[in-house]
Amino acid sequence: MKHYVCTGECGGVAETPGVCSVTTCSNYDHELVECNCTDGKHSTVLKKCENCGKICDGNCDVDTFKPELPA
């Protein structure tokens, strides 16, 4: 079933196209992305960060993962 997902950290889901309405989300007021998954995981739309495991587009705020800092 077609649905629409926020790719920000809120991970909001809607039945109709629109924008993210969660004011604390980094994708607030950005378009939701169409998804057709049937398992509710939205794996074709949402990708977890390789650094922290959260949905953050690789721009996580975990200091140890910032390239400018030594590991």
N, C-alpha and C. Protein backbone atom coordinates (compact mmCIF):
# COMPACT_ATOMS: atom_id res chain seq x y z
N MET A 1 0.84 -1.18 0.00
CA MET A 1 0.00 0.00 0.00
C MET A 1 0.89 1.25 0.00
N LYS A 2 0.61 2.18 -0.85
CA LYS A 2 1.38 3.41 -0.96
C LYS A 2 1.17 4.27 0.28
N HIS A 3 2.28 4.79 0.82
CA HIS A 3 2.24 5.71 1.94
C HIS A 3 3.43 6.66 1.80
N TYR A 4 3.52 7.61 2.69
CA TYR A 4 4.54 8.65 2.58
C TYR A 4 5.28 8.76 3.90
N VAL A 5 6.62 8.83 3.82
CA VAL A 5 7.46 8.73 5.00
C VAL A 5 8.38 9.95 5.10
N CYS A 6 8.56 10.42 6.33
CA CYS A 6 9.55 11.46 6.59
C CYS A 6 10.91 10.78 6.72
N THR A 7 11.91 11.29 6.03
CA THR A 7 13.25 10.71 6.10
C THR A 7 14.08 11.34 7.21
N GLY A 8 13.48 12.22 8.00
CA GLY A 8 14.16 12.78 9.17
C GLY A 8 14.06 11.82 10.34
N GLU A 9 14.59 12.24 11.47
CA GLU A 9 14.63 11.34 12.62
C GLU A 9 13.26 11.00 13.20
N CYS A 10 12.23 11.77 12.88
CA CYS A 10 10.90 11.44 13.42
C CYS A 10 10.31 10.20 12.74
N GLY A 11 10.68 9.97 11.46
CA GLY A 11 10.19 8.79 10.75
C GLY A 11 8.69 8.75 10.58
N GLY A 12 8.07 9.91 10.55
CA GLY A 12 6.61 9.99 10.44
C GLY A 12 6.08 9.34 9.17
N VAL A 13 4.85 8.83 9.24
CA VAL A 13 4.21 8.16 8.11
C VAL A 13 2.83 8.77 7.91
N ALA A 14 2.47 8.99 6.64
CA ALA A 14 1.15 9.52 6.32
C ALA A 14 0.55 8.74 5.16
N GLU A 15 -0.75 8.74 5.07
CA GLU A 15 -1.44 8.06 3.97
C GLU A 15 -1.51 8.92 2.72
N THR A 16 -1.28 10.22 2.87
CA THR A 16 -1.37 11.14 1.74
C THR A 16 -0.07 11.96 1.64
N PRO A 17 0.25 12.45 0.44
CA PRO A 17 1.45 13.27 0.29
C PRO A 17 1.36 14.52 1.16
N GLY A 18 2.50 15.03 1.53
CA GLY A 18 2.52 16.24 2.34
C GLY A 18 3.92 16.54 2.80
N VAL A 19 4.02 17.29 3.88
CA VAL A 19 5.31 17.65 4.45
C VAL A 19 5.36 17.20 5.90
N CYS A 20 6.57 17.09 6.44
CA CYS A 20 6.73 16.72 7.84
C CYS A 20 6.20 17.85 8.70
N SER A 21 5.39 17.50 9.69
CA SER A 21 4.80 18.51 10.56
C SER A 21 5.36 18.49 11.98
N VAL A 22 6.41 17.69 12.20
CA VAL A 22 7.03 17.61 13.52
C VAL A 22 8.08 18.70 13.64
N THR A 23 7.80 19.72 14.43
CA THR A 23 8.66 20.90 14.49
C THR A 23 10.07 20.60 14.99
N THR A 24 10.25 19.52 15.72
CA THR A 24 11.59 19.18 16.23
C THR A 24 12.38 18.29 15.29
N CYS A 25 11.80 17.90 14.16
CA CYS A 25 12.46 17.02 13.19
C CYS A 25 13.33 17.86 12.25
N SER A 26 14.47 17.30 11.88
CA SER A 26 15.36 18.01 10.95
C SER A 26 14.75 18.17 9.57
N ASN A 27 13.73 17.39 9.26
CA ASN A 27 13.05 17.51 7.96
C ASN A 27 11.71 18.21 8.08
N TYR A 28 11.53 18.98 9.14
CA TYR A 28 10.29 19.74 9.33
C TYR A 28 10.01 20.57 8.09
N ASP A 29 8.79 20.48 7.61
CA ASP A 29 8.30 21.24 6.45
C ASP A 29 8.91 20.78 5.13
N HIS A 30 9.62 19.64 5.11
CA HIS A 30 10.13 19.05 3.87
C HIS A 30 9.14 17.99 3.39
N GLU A 31 9.14 17.76 2.09
CA GLU A 31 8.22 16.78 1.49
C GLU A 31 8.44 15.38 2.04
N LEU A 32 7.34 14.65 2.25
CA LEU A 32 7.41 13.24 2.62
C LEU A 32 7.75 12.46 1.36
N VAL A 33 8.40 11.31 1.52
CA VAL A 33 8.84 10.49 0.40
C VAL A 33 7.91 9.30 0.22
N GLU A 34 7.51 9.05 -1.03
CA GLU A 34 6.61 7.93 -1.31
C GLU A 34 7.30 6.60 -1.02
N CYS A 35 6.56 5.68 -0.40
CA CYS A 35 7.08 4.36 -0.06
C CYS A 35 5.98 3.33 -0.34
N ASN A 36 6.38 2.18 -0.81
CA ASN A 36 5.41 1.12 -1.12
C ASN A 36 5.68 -0.16 -0.34
N CYS A 37 6.44 -0.07 0.75
CA CYS A 37 6.77 -1.29 1.50
C CYS A 37 5.50 -1.88 2.12
N THR A 38 5.57 -3.16 2.40
CA THR A 38 4.43 -3.84 3.04
C THR A 38 4.77 -4.30 4.45
N ASP A 39 6.06 -4.15 4.85
CA ASP A 39 6.47 -4.62 6.17
C ASP A 39 6.59 -3.51 7.21
N GLY A 40 6.35 -2.26 6.80
CA GLY A 40 6.42 -1.13 7.73
C GLY A 40 7.83 -0.69 8.08
N LYS A 41 8.84 -1.26 7.43
CA LYS A 41 10.23 -0.89 7.74
C LYS A 41 10.75 0.23 6.85
N HIS A 42 10.10 0.48 5.74
CA HIS A 42 10.45 1.56 4.81
C HIS A 42 11.91 1.47 4.37
N SER A 43 12.41 0.26 4.21
CA SER A 43 13.84 0.06 3.93
C SER A 43 14.28 0.62 2.58
N THR A 44 13.36 0.82 1.65
CA THR A 44 13.76 1.41 0.37
C THR A 44 13.86 2.93 0.48
N VAL A 45 13.30 3.50 1.54
CA VAL A 45 13.29 4.95 1.72
C VAL A 45 14.24 5.38 2.84
N LEU A 46 14.20 4.67 3.96
CA LEU A 46 14.99 5.04 5.12
C LEU A 46 16.24 4.20 5.22
N LYS A 47 17.35 4.82 5.35
CA LYS A 47 18.63 4.14 5.51
C LYS A 47 19.24 4.55 6.84
N LYS A 48 19.70 3.57 7.61
CA LYS A 48 20.32 3.89 8.89
C LYS A 48 21.76 4.35 8.67
N CYS A 49 22.19 5.26 9.50
CA CYS A 49 23.54 5.80 9.45
C CYS A 49 24.55 4.69 9.74
N GLU A 50 25.60 4.65 8.95
CA GLU A 50 26.66 3.66 9.16
C GLU A 50 27.44 3.94 10.44
N ASN A 51 27.41 5.17 10.92
CA ASN A 51 28.17 5.55 12.11
C ASN A 51 27.42 5.26 13.40
N CYS A 52 26.18 5.73 13.49
CA CYS A 52 25.49 5.63 14.78
C CYS A 52 24.29 4.69 14.76
N GLY A 53 23.86 4.22 13.58
CA GLY A 53 22.74 3.29 13.50
C GLY A 53 21.38 3.95 13.53
N LYS A 54 21.35 5.29 13.58
CA LYS A 54 20.09 6.01 13.58
C LYS A 54 19.84 6.56 12.18
N ILE A 55 18.67 7.12 11.97
CA ILE A 55 18.36 7.74 10.69
C ILE A 55 18.82 9.19 10.77
N CYS A 56 20.03 9.44 10.28
CA CYS A 56 20.59 10.80 10.41
C CYS A 56 21.36 11.22 9.16
N ASP A 57 21.28 10.46 8.10
CA ASP A 57 21.94 10.79 6.85
C ASP A 57 23.45 10.93 6.98
N GLY A 58 24.04 10.27 7.97
CA GLY A 58 25.49 10.31 8.13
C GLY A 58 26.00 11.57 8.78
N ASN A 59 25.12 12.48 9.12
CA ASN A 59 25.53 13.73 9.76
C ASN A 59 25.24 13.67 11.26
N CYS A 60 25.53 12.52 11.85
CA CYS A 60 25.20 12.33 13.26
C CYS A 60 26.04 13.22 14.15
N ASP A 61 25.54 13.42 15.36
CA ASP A 61 26.24 14.28 16.30
C ASP A 61 27.06 13.47 17.31
N VAL A 62 27.37 12.24 16.98
CA VAL A 62 28.20 11.42 17.84
C VAL A 62 29.65 11.81 17.59
N ASP A 63 30.27 12.48 18.54
CA ASP A 63 31.61 13.05 18.37
C ASP A 63 32.65 12.06 17.88
N THR A 64 32.61 10.83 18.35
CA THR A 64 33.64 9.87 17.97
C THR A 64 33.60 9.50 16.50
N PHE A 65 32.50 9.84 15.83
CA PHE A 65 32.37 9.49 14.42
C PHE A 65 32.70 10.67 13.51
N LYS A 66 32.93 11.83 14.08
CA LYS A 66 33.26 12.98 13.26
C LYS A 66 34.68 12.80 12.71
N PRO A 67 34.86 12.90 11.42
CA PRO A 67 36.15 12.63 10.80
C PRO A 67 37.28 13.52 11.28
N GLU A 68 36.97 14.72 11.75
CA GLU A 68 38.03 15.62 12.17
C GLU A 68 38.59 15.27 13.56
N LEU A 69 37.95 14.34 14.26
CA LEU A 69 38.42 13.93 15.59
C LEU A 69 39.11 12.58 15.52
N PRO A 70 40.16 12.39 16.30
CA PRO A 70 40.82 11.06 16.32
C PRO A 70 39.91 10.02 16.97
N ALA A 71 40.02 8.80 16.52
CA ALA A 71 39.17 7.73 17.05
C ALA A 71 39.62 7.30 18.42
